[in-house]
PDB file of N, CA and C in Angstrom:
ATOM      1  N   MET A   1      63.607 -94.163 -14.682  1.00  0.00           N
ATOM      2  CA  MET A   1      63.761 -95.230 -15.301  1.00  0.00           C
ATOM      3  C   MET A   1      65.009 -96.261 -14.543  1.00  0.00           C
ATOM      4  N   LEU A   2      65.864 -95.056 -14.308  1.00  0.00           N
ATOM      5  CA  LEU A   2      67.109 -96.396 -13.884  1.00  0.00           C
ATOM      6  C   LEU A   2      66.812 -96.782 -12.699  1.00  0.00           C
ATOM      7  N   LYS A   3      65.878 -96.659 -11.555  1.00  0.00           N
ATOM      8  CA  LYS A   3      65.179 -97.518 -10.981  1.00  0.00           C
ATOM      9  C   LYS A   3      64.526 -98.910 -11.795  1.00  0.00           C
ATOM     10  N   ASN A   4      63.859 -98.312 -12.388  1.00  0.00           N
ATOM     11  CA  ASN A   4      63.266 -99.691 -13.185  1.00  0.00           C
ATOM     12  C   ASN A   4      64.492-100.966 -13.655  1.00  0.00           C
ATOM     13  N   LYS A   5      65.288-100.086 -14.411  1.00  0.00           N
ATOM     14  CA  LYS A   5      66.192-100.816 -14.979  1.00  0.00           C
ATOM     15  C   LYS A   5      67.203-101.580 -13.894  1.00  0.00           C
ATOM     16  N   LEU A   6      67.465-100.668 -13.009  1.00  0.00           N
ATOM     17  CA  LEU A   6      68.082-101.950 -11.749  1.00  0.00           C
ATOM     18  C   LEU A   6      67.156-103.045 -11.230  1.00  0.00           C
ATOM     19  N   LYS A   7      66.017-102.529 -11.044  1.00  0.00           N
ATOM     20  CA  LYS A   7      65.081-103.735 -10.491  1.00  0.00           C
ATOM     21  C   LYS A   7      64.553-104.740 -11.160  1.00  0.00           C
ATOM     22  N   GLU A   8      64.991-104.852 -12.683  1.00  0.00           N
ATOM     23  CA  GLU A   8      64.785-105.833 -13.664  1.00  0.00           C
ATOM     24  C   GLU A   8      66.362-106.481 -13.398  1.00  0.00           C
ATOM     25  N   ILE A   9      67.242-105.717 -13.123  1.00  0.00           N
ATOM     26  CA  ILE A   9      68.704-106.687 -13.524  1.00  0.00           C
ATOM     27  C   ILE A   9      68.833-107.448 -11.571  1.00  0.00           C
ATOM     28  N   LEU A  10      68.146-106.893 -10.753  1.00  0.00           N
ATOM     29  CA  LEU A  10      68.371-107.695  -9.768  1.00  0.00           C
ATOM     30  C   LEU A  10      66.873-108.370  -9.936  1.00  0.00           C
ATOM     31  N   GLU A  11      66.113-108.478 -10.537  1.00  0.00           N
ATOM     32  CA  GLU A  11      64.781-109.633 -10.651  1.00  0.00           C
ATOM     33  C   GLU A  11      65.730-110.530 -11.492  1.00  0.00           C
ATOM     34  N   HIS A  12      66.330-110.350 -12.208  1.00  0.00           N
ATOM     35  CA  HIS A  12      67.062-111.103 -13.385  1.00  0.00           C
ATOM     36  C   HIS A  12      68.230-111.761 -12.458  1.00  0.00           C
ATOM     37  N   ASN A  13      68.975-111.732 -11.946  1.00  0.00           N
ATOM     38  CA  ASN A  13      69.886-112.147 -11.215  1.00  0.00           C
ATOM     39  C   ASN A  13      69.279-112.851 -10.365  1.00  0.00           C
ATOM     40  N   LEU A  14      68.373-112.512  -9.613  1.00  0.00           N
ATOM     41  CA  LEU A  14      67.676-113.562  -8.572  1.00  0.00           C
ATOM     42  C   LEU A  14      67.318-114.880  -8.876  1.00  0.00           C
ATOM     43  N   THR A  15      66.394-114.347 -10.281  1.00  0.00           N
ATOM     44  CA  THR A  15      66.007-115.414 -10.828  1.00  0.00           C
ATOM     45  C   THR A  15      67.046-116.531 -11.601  1.00  0.00           C
ATOM     46  N   SER A  16      67.847-115.882 -11.937  1.00  0.00           N
ATOM     47  CA  SER A  16      68.957-116.518 -12.504  1.00  0.00           C
ATOM     48  C   SER A  16      69.648-117.572 -11.354  1.00  0.00           C
ATOM     49  N   ALA A  17      69.757-116.894 -10.204  1.00  0.00           N
ATOM     50  CA  ALA A  17      70.775-117.696  -9.377  1.00  0.00           C
ATOM     51  C   ALA A  17      69.647-119.080  -8.641  1.00  0.00           C
ATOM     52  N   MET A  18      68.622-118.380  -8.770  1.00  0.00           N
ATOM     53  CA  MET A  18      67.374-119.509  -8.205  1.00  0.00           C
ATOM     54  C   MET A  18      67.334-120.731  -8.946  1.00  0.00           C
ATOM     55  N   LYS A  19      67.609-120.515 -10.034  1.00  0.00           N
ATOM     56  CA  LYS A  19      67.587-121.579 -11.325  1.00  0.00           C
ATOM     57  C   LYS A  19      68.375-122.458 -11.499  1.00  0.00           C
ATOM     58  N   TYR A  20      69.681-121.626 -10.801  1.00  0.00           N
ATOM     59  CA  TYR A  20      70.478-122.479 -10.909  1.00  0.00           C
ATOM     60  C   TYR A  20      70.707-123.422  -9.884  1.00  0.00           C
ATOM     61  N   LEU A  21      70.166-122.705  -8.552  1.00  0.00           N
ATOM     62  CA  LEU A  21      70.150-123.509  -7.268  1.00  0.00           C
ATOM     63  C   LEU A  21      69.472-125.089  -7.360  1.00  0.00           C
ATOM     64  N   LYS A  22      68.162-124.825  -7.919  1.00  0.00           N
ATOM     65  CA  LYS A  22      67.505-125.464  -8.838  1.00  0.00           C
ATOM     66  C   LYS A  22      67.772-126.850  -9.441  1.00  0.00           C
ATOM     67  N   GLU A  23      68.351-126.384 -10.352  1.00  0.00           N
ATOM     68  CA  GLU A  23      68.668-126.929 -11.793  1.00  0.00           C
ATOM     69  C   GLU A  23      70.098-127.972 -10.999  1.00  0.00           C
ATOM     70  N   ALA A  24      70.757-127.250 -11.016  1.00  0.00           N
ATOM     71  CA  ALA A  24      72.248-127.945 -11.114  1.00  0.00           C
ATOM     72  C   ALA A  24      72.614-128.695  -9.351  1.00  0.00           C
ATOM     73  N   LYS A  25      71.843-127.681  -8.155  1.00  0.00           N
ATOM     74  CA  LYS A  25      72.267-128.308  -6.980  1.00  0.00           C
ATOM     75  C   LYS A  25      71.602-129.244  -6.503  1.00  0.00           C
ATOM     76  N   GLY A  26      69.931-128.898  -7.154  1.00  0.00           N
ATOM     77  CA  GLY A  26      68.923-129.997  -6.427  1.00  0.00           C
ATOM     78  C   GLY A  26      67.967-129.571  -5.067  1.00  0.00           C
ATOM     79  N   LEU A  27      68.138-127.904  -4.856  1.00  0.00           N
ATOM     80  CA  LEU A  27      67.456-127.453  -3.666  1.00  0.00           C
ATOM     81  C   LEU A  27      66.233-127.256  -4.041  1.00  0.00           C
ATOM     82  N   LYS A  28      65.170-127.487  -3.015  1.00  0.00           N
ATOM     83  CA  LYS A  28      64.061-127.079  -3.253  1.00  0.00           C
ATOM     84  C   LYS A  28      64.119-125.382  -2.595  1.00  0.00           C
ATOM     85  N   GLU A  29      62.832-124.332  -2.648  1.00  0.00           N
ATOM     86  CA  GLU A  29      62.920-123.460  -2.637  1.00  0.00           C
ATOM     87  C   GLU A  29      62.603-123.094  -1.103  1.00  0.00           C
ATOM     88  N   LYS A  30      62.433-123.873  -0.001  1.00  0.00           N
ATOM     89  CA  LYS A  30      62.068-123.650   1.097  1.00  0.00           C
ATOM     90  C   LYS A  30      63.913-124.036   1.473  1.00  0.00           C
ATOM     91  N   GLU A  31      64.545-124.682   1.056  1.00  0.00           N
ATOM     92  CA  GLU A  31      65.701-124.575   1.677  1.00  0.00           C
ATOM     93  C   GLU A  31      66.644-123.859   1.140  1.00  0.00           C
ATOM     94  N   MET A  32      66.410-122.492   0.504  1.00  0.00           N
ATOM     95  CA  MET A  32      67.193-121.505   0.027  1.00  0.00           C
ATOM     96  C   MET A  32      67.136-120.076   0.663  1.00  0.00           C
ATOM     97  N   ALA A  33      68.200-119.341   0.855  1.00  0.00           N
ATOM     98  CA  ALA A  33      67.913-118.178   1.523  1.00  0.00           C
ATOM     99  C   ALA A  33      68.348-117.303   0.535  1.00  0.00           C
ATOM    100  N   MET A  34      68.028-116.392   0.307  1.00  0.00           N
ATOM    101  CA  MET A  34      68.709-115.356  -0.906  1.00  0.00           C
ATOM    102  C   MET A  34      68.883-114.192   0.131  1.00  0.00           C
ATOM    103  N   GLY A  35      69.682-113.215   0.257  1.00  0.00           N
ATOM    104  CA  GLY A  35      69.917-111.974   0.797  1.00  0.00           C
ATOM    105  C   GLY A  35      71.113-110.911   0.217  1.00  0.00           C
ATOM    106  N   PHE A  36      71.522-109.982   0.955  1.00  0.00           N
ATOM    107  CA  PHE A  36      72.703-109.274   0.971  1.00  0.00           C
ATOM    108  C   PHE A  36      73.858-109.609   2.067  1.00  0.00           C
ATOM    109  N   MET A  37      74.862-109.040   1.976  1.00  0.00           N
ATOM    110  CA  MET A  37      75.763-109.955   3.150  1.00  0.00           C
ATOM    111  C   MET A  37      76.667-108.615   2.550  1.00  0.00           C
ATOM    112  N   ASP A  38      77.599-108.202   3.611  1.00  0.00           N
ATOM    113  CA  ASP A  38      78.519-107.701   3.755  1.00  0.00           C
ATOM    114  C   ASP A  38      79.280-107.645   5.245  1.00  0.00           C
ATOM    115  N   GLU A  39      80.558-107.368   5.064  1.00  0.00           N
ATOM    116  CA  GLU A  39      81.359-107.272   6.303  1.00  0.00           C
ATOM    117  C   GLU A  39      82.312-105.999   6.542  1.00  0.00           C
ATOM    118  N   THR A  40      82.831-106.069   7.539  1.00  0.00           N
ATOM    119  CA  THR A  40      83.407-104.913   7.667  1.00  0.00           C
ATOM    120  C   THR A  40      84.473-104.675   9.129  1.00  0.00           C
ATOM    121  N   SER A  41      85.166-104.069   9.061  1.00  0.00           N
ATOM    122  CA  SER A  41      86.464-103.907  10.272  1.00  0.00           C
ATOM    123  C   SER A  41      86.815-102.864  11.072  1.00  0.00           C
ATOM    124  N   PRO A  42      85.679-102.502  11.613  1.00  0.00           N
ATOM    125  CA  PRO A  42      86.160-100.875  12.377  1.00  0.00           C
ATOM    126  C   PRO A  42      87.456-101.488  13.505  1.00  0.00           C
ATOM    127  N   GLN A  43      88.161 -99.777  13.636  1.00  0.00           N
ATOM    128  CA  GLN A  43      89.262 -99.699  14.067  1.00  0.00           C
ATOM    129  C   GLN A  43      89.468 -98.918  14.303  1.00  0.00           C
ATOM    130  N   LEU A  44      90.016 -98.782  15.986  1.00  0.00           N
ATOM    131  CA  LEU A  44      90.231 -97.109  16.834  1.00  0.00           C
ATOM    132  C   LEU A  44      91.897 -96.489  16.117  1.00  0.00           C
ATOM    133  N   THR A  45      92.232 -97.624  15.720  1.00  0.00           N
ATOM    134  CA  THR A  45      93.551 -96.252  14.902  1.00  0.00           C
ATOM    135  C   THR A  45      93.183 -96.064  13.562  1.00  0.00           C
ATOM    136  N   ALA A  46      93.971 -94.711  13.091  1.00  0.00           N
ATOM    137  CA  ALA A  46      93.305 -94.579  12.269  1.00  0.00           C
ATOM    138  C   ALA A  46      94.840 -95.210  11.127  1.00  0.00           C
ATOM    139  N   ASN A  47      94.020 -95.422  10.006  1.00  0.00           N
ATOM    140  CA  ASN A  47      95.377 -96.333   9.038  1.00  0.00           C
ATOM    141  C   ASN A  47      96.558 -95.240   8.822  1.00  0.00           C
ATOM    142  N   THR A  48      96.241 -93.970   8.220  1.00  0.00           N
ATOM    143  CA  THR A  48      97.625 -93.066   7.947  1.00  0.00           C
ATOM    144  C   THR A  48      97.314 -91.607   8.853  1.00  0.00           C
ATOM    145  N   VAL A  49      98.950 -91.173   9.306  1.00  0.00           N
ATOM    146  CA  VAL A  49      98.812 -89.857   9.528  1.00  0.00           C
ATOM    147  C   VAL A  49      99.679 -89.240   8.889  1.00  0.00           C
ATOM    148  N   ARG A  50      99.112 -88.183   8.560  1.00  0.00           N
ATOM    149  CA  ARG A  50      99.685 -87.075   7.746  1.00  0.00           C
ATOM    150  C   ARG A  50      99.756 -85.807   8.241  1.00  0.00           C
ATOM    151  N   ILE A  51     101.046 -85.058   8.323  1.00  0.00           N
ATOM    152  CA  ILE A  51     101.091 -83.336   9.030  1.00  0.00           C
ATOM    153  C   ILE A  51     102.402 -83.263   8.003  1.00  0.00           C
ATOM    154  N   TRP A  52     102.155 -81.754   8.073  1.00  0.00           N
ATOM    155  CA  TRP A  52     102.720 -80.454   7.663  1.00  0.00           C
ATOM    156  C   TRP A  52     103.457 -79.777   8.542  1.00  0.00           C
ATOM    157  N   SER A  53     104.640 -79.787   8.614  1.00  0.00           N
ATOM    158  CA  SER A  53     104.858 -78.444   9.662  1.00  0.00           C
ATOM    159  C   SER A  53     106.263 -78.017   9.548  1.00  0.00           C
ATOM    160  N   PHE A  54     106.932 -76.432   9.976  1.00  0.00           N
ATOM    161  CA  PHE A  54     107.904 -76.132   9.940  1.00  0.00           C
ATOM    162  C   PHE A  54     108.869 -76.629  10.698  1.00  0.00           C
ATOM    163  N   GLU A  55     108.353 -76.970  12.155  1.00  0.00           N
ATOM    164  CA  GLU A  55     108.802 -77.280  13.113  1.00  0.00           C
ATOM    165  C   GLU A  55     108.708 -78.564  13.553  1.00  0.00           C
ATOM    166  N   LYS A  56     109.465 -79.296  14.521  1.00  0.00           N
ATOM    167  CA  LYS A  56     109.097 -81.024  14.562  1.00  0.00           C
ATOM    168  C   LYS A  56     107.767 -80.631  15.300  1.00  0.00           C
ATOM    169  N   PRO A  57     106.763 -81.580  15.158  1.00  0.00           N
ATOM    170  CA  PRO A  57     105.875 -81.735  15.483  1.00  0.00           C
ATOM    171  C   PRO A  57     105.305 -82.490  16.528  1.00  0.00           C
ATOM    172  N   LYS A  58     105.060 -82.639  17.423  1.00  0.00           N
ATOM    173  CA  LYS A  58     104.229 -83.300  18.963  1.00  0.00           C
ATOM    174  C   LYS A  58     102.943 -83.983  18.089  1.00  0.00           C
ATOM    175  N   ILE A  59     103.382 -85.423  18.404  1.00  0.00           N
ATOM    176  CA  ILE A  59     102.391 -85.966  17.399  1.00  0.00           C
ATOM    177  C   ILE A  59     101.168 -87.208  18.937  1.00  0.00           C
ATOM    178  N   ILE A  60     100.141 -86.673  18.729  1.00  0.00           N
ATOM    179  CA  ILE A  60      99.903 -87.862  19.716  1.00  0.00           C
ATOM    180  C   ILE A  60      98.980 -88.802  19.220  1.00  0.00           C
ATOM    181  N   LYS A  61      99.451 -90.234  19.349  1.00  0.00           N
ATOM    182  CA  LYS A  61      98.519 -90.905  19.033  1.00  0.00           C
ATOM    183  C   LYS A  61      97.958 -92.025  20.083  1.00  0.00           C
ATOM    184  N   ASN A  62      96.411 -92.684  19.235  1.00  0.00           N
ATOM    185  CA  ASN A  62      96.052 -93.521  20.074  1.00  0.00           C
ATOM    186  C   ASN A  62      96.793 -94.777  19.960  1.00  0.00           C
ATOM    187  N   THR A  63      97.283 -95.659  21.178  1.00  0.00           N
ATOM    188  CA  THR A  63      97.872 -96.699  21.042  1.00  0.00           C
ATOM    189  C   THR A  63      97.350 -98.002  21.407  1.00  0.00           C
ATOM    190  N   THR A  64      95.891 -97.828  21.665  1.00  0.00           N
ATOM    191  CA  THR A  64      95.067 -99.020  22.063  1.00  0.00           C
ATOM    192  C   THR A  64      94.939 -99.550  20.801  1.00  0.00           C
ATOM    193  N   ARG A  65      94.815-100.973  20.927  1.00  0.00           N
ATOM    194  CA  ARG A  65      94.830-101.611  19.382  1.00  0.00           C
ATOM    195  C   ARG A  65      93.141-102.279  19.867  1.00  0.00           C
ATOM    196  N   MET A  66      92.296-102.244  19.119  1.00  0.00           N
ATOM    197  CA  MET A  66      90.886-102.671  19.326  1.00  0.00           C
ATOM    198  C   MET A  66      90.231-102.982  17.635  1.00  0.00           C
ATOM    199  N   LYS A  67      89.732-104.113  17.538  1.00  0.00           N
ATOM    200  CA  LYS A  67      88.941-104.494  16.458  1.00  0.00           C
ATOM    201  C   LYS A  67      87.887-104.969  16.548  1.00  0.00           C
ATOM    202  N   ALA A  68      87.094-104.678  15.715  1.00  0.00           N
ATOM    203  CA  ALA A  68      85.672-105.688  15.564  1.00  0.00           C
ATOM    204  C   ALA A  68      85.322-106.057  14.597  1.00  0.00           C
ATOM    205  N   ASN A  69      85.225-107.352  13.972  1.00  0.00           N
ATOM    206  CA  ASN A  69      85.273-107.731  12.773  1.00  0.00           C
ATOM    207  C   ASN A  69      83.613-108.231  12.821  1.00  0.00           C
ATOM    208  N   THR A  70      82.641-107.441  12.201  1.00  0.00           N
ATOM    209  CA  THR A  70      81.343-107.552  11.706  1.00  0.00           C
ATOM    210  C   THR A  70      80.823-108.260  10.588  1.00  0.00           C
ATOM    211  N   ILE A  71      79.786-108.823  10.312  1.00  0.00           N
ATOM    212  CA  ILE A  71      79.005-109.176   9.541  1.00  0.00           C
ATOM    213  C   ILE A  71      77.677-109.181   9.539  1.00  0.00           C
ATOM    214  N   GLY A  72      76.834-108.192   8.520  1.00  0.00           N
ATOM    215  CA  GLY A  72      75.564-108.188   8.236  1.00  0.00           C
ATOM    216  C   GLY A  72      75.205-109.045   7.239  1.00  0.00           C
ATOM    217  N   PHE A  73      74.113-109.422   7.720  1.00  0.00           N
ATOM    218  CA  PHE A  73      72.955-109.958   6.207  1.00  0.00           C
ATOM    219  C   PHE A  73      71.591-109.762   6.702  1.00  0.00           C
ATOM    220  N   TYR A  74      70.973-109.245   4.895  1.00  0.00           N
ATOM    221  CA  TYR A  74      69.753-109.139   5.696  1.00  0.00           C
ATOM    222  C   TYR A  74      68.614-109.794   4.080  1.00  0.00           C
ATOM    223  N   ALA A  75      68.096-110.560   4.926  1.00  0.00           N
ATOM    224  CA  ALA A  75      67.283-111.752   4.035  1.00  0.00           C
ATOM    225  C   ALA A  75      66.032-111.378   3.001  1.00  0.00           C
ATOM    226  N   ILE A  76      66.101-111.570   2.450  1.00  0.00           N
ATOM    227  CA  ILE A  76      65.035-111.489   1.066  1.00  0.00           C
ATOM    228  C   ILE A  76      64.541-112.167   0.433  1.00  0.00           C
ATOM    229  N   ARG A  77      64.662-113.099   1.410  1.00  0.00           N
ATOM    230  CA  ARG A  77      64.052-114.608   1.257  1.00  0.00           C
ATOM    231  C   ARG A  77      64.215-115.646   2.005  1.00  0.00           C
TER     232      ARG A  77
END
């Protein structure tokens, strides 16, 4: 039941978006691309370091800084 409701919501939102693009922006269906997009930025270094100790701890850190920005797009139309 939840799956059907979610499917209805997605279909309604896609239909509304296509209607808006056609009427307000004057686009034709063949000029549109619909899909899902997400971005991420994985890093080698941890965002937080926490340690609890009775003695002074020896902390070893990876000081190499490397980051890779990535964007993914899954086209449904």
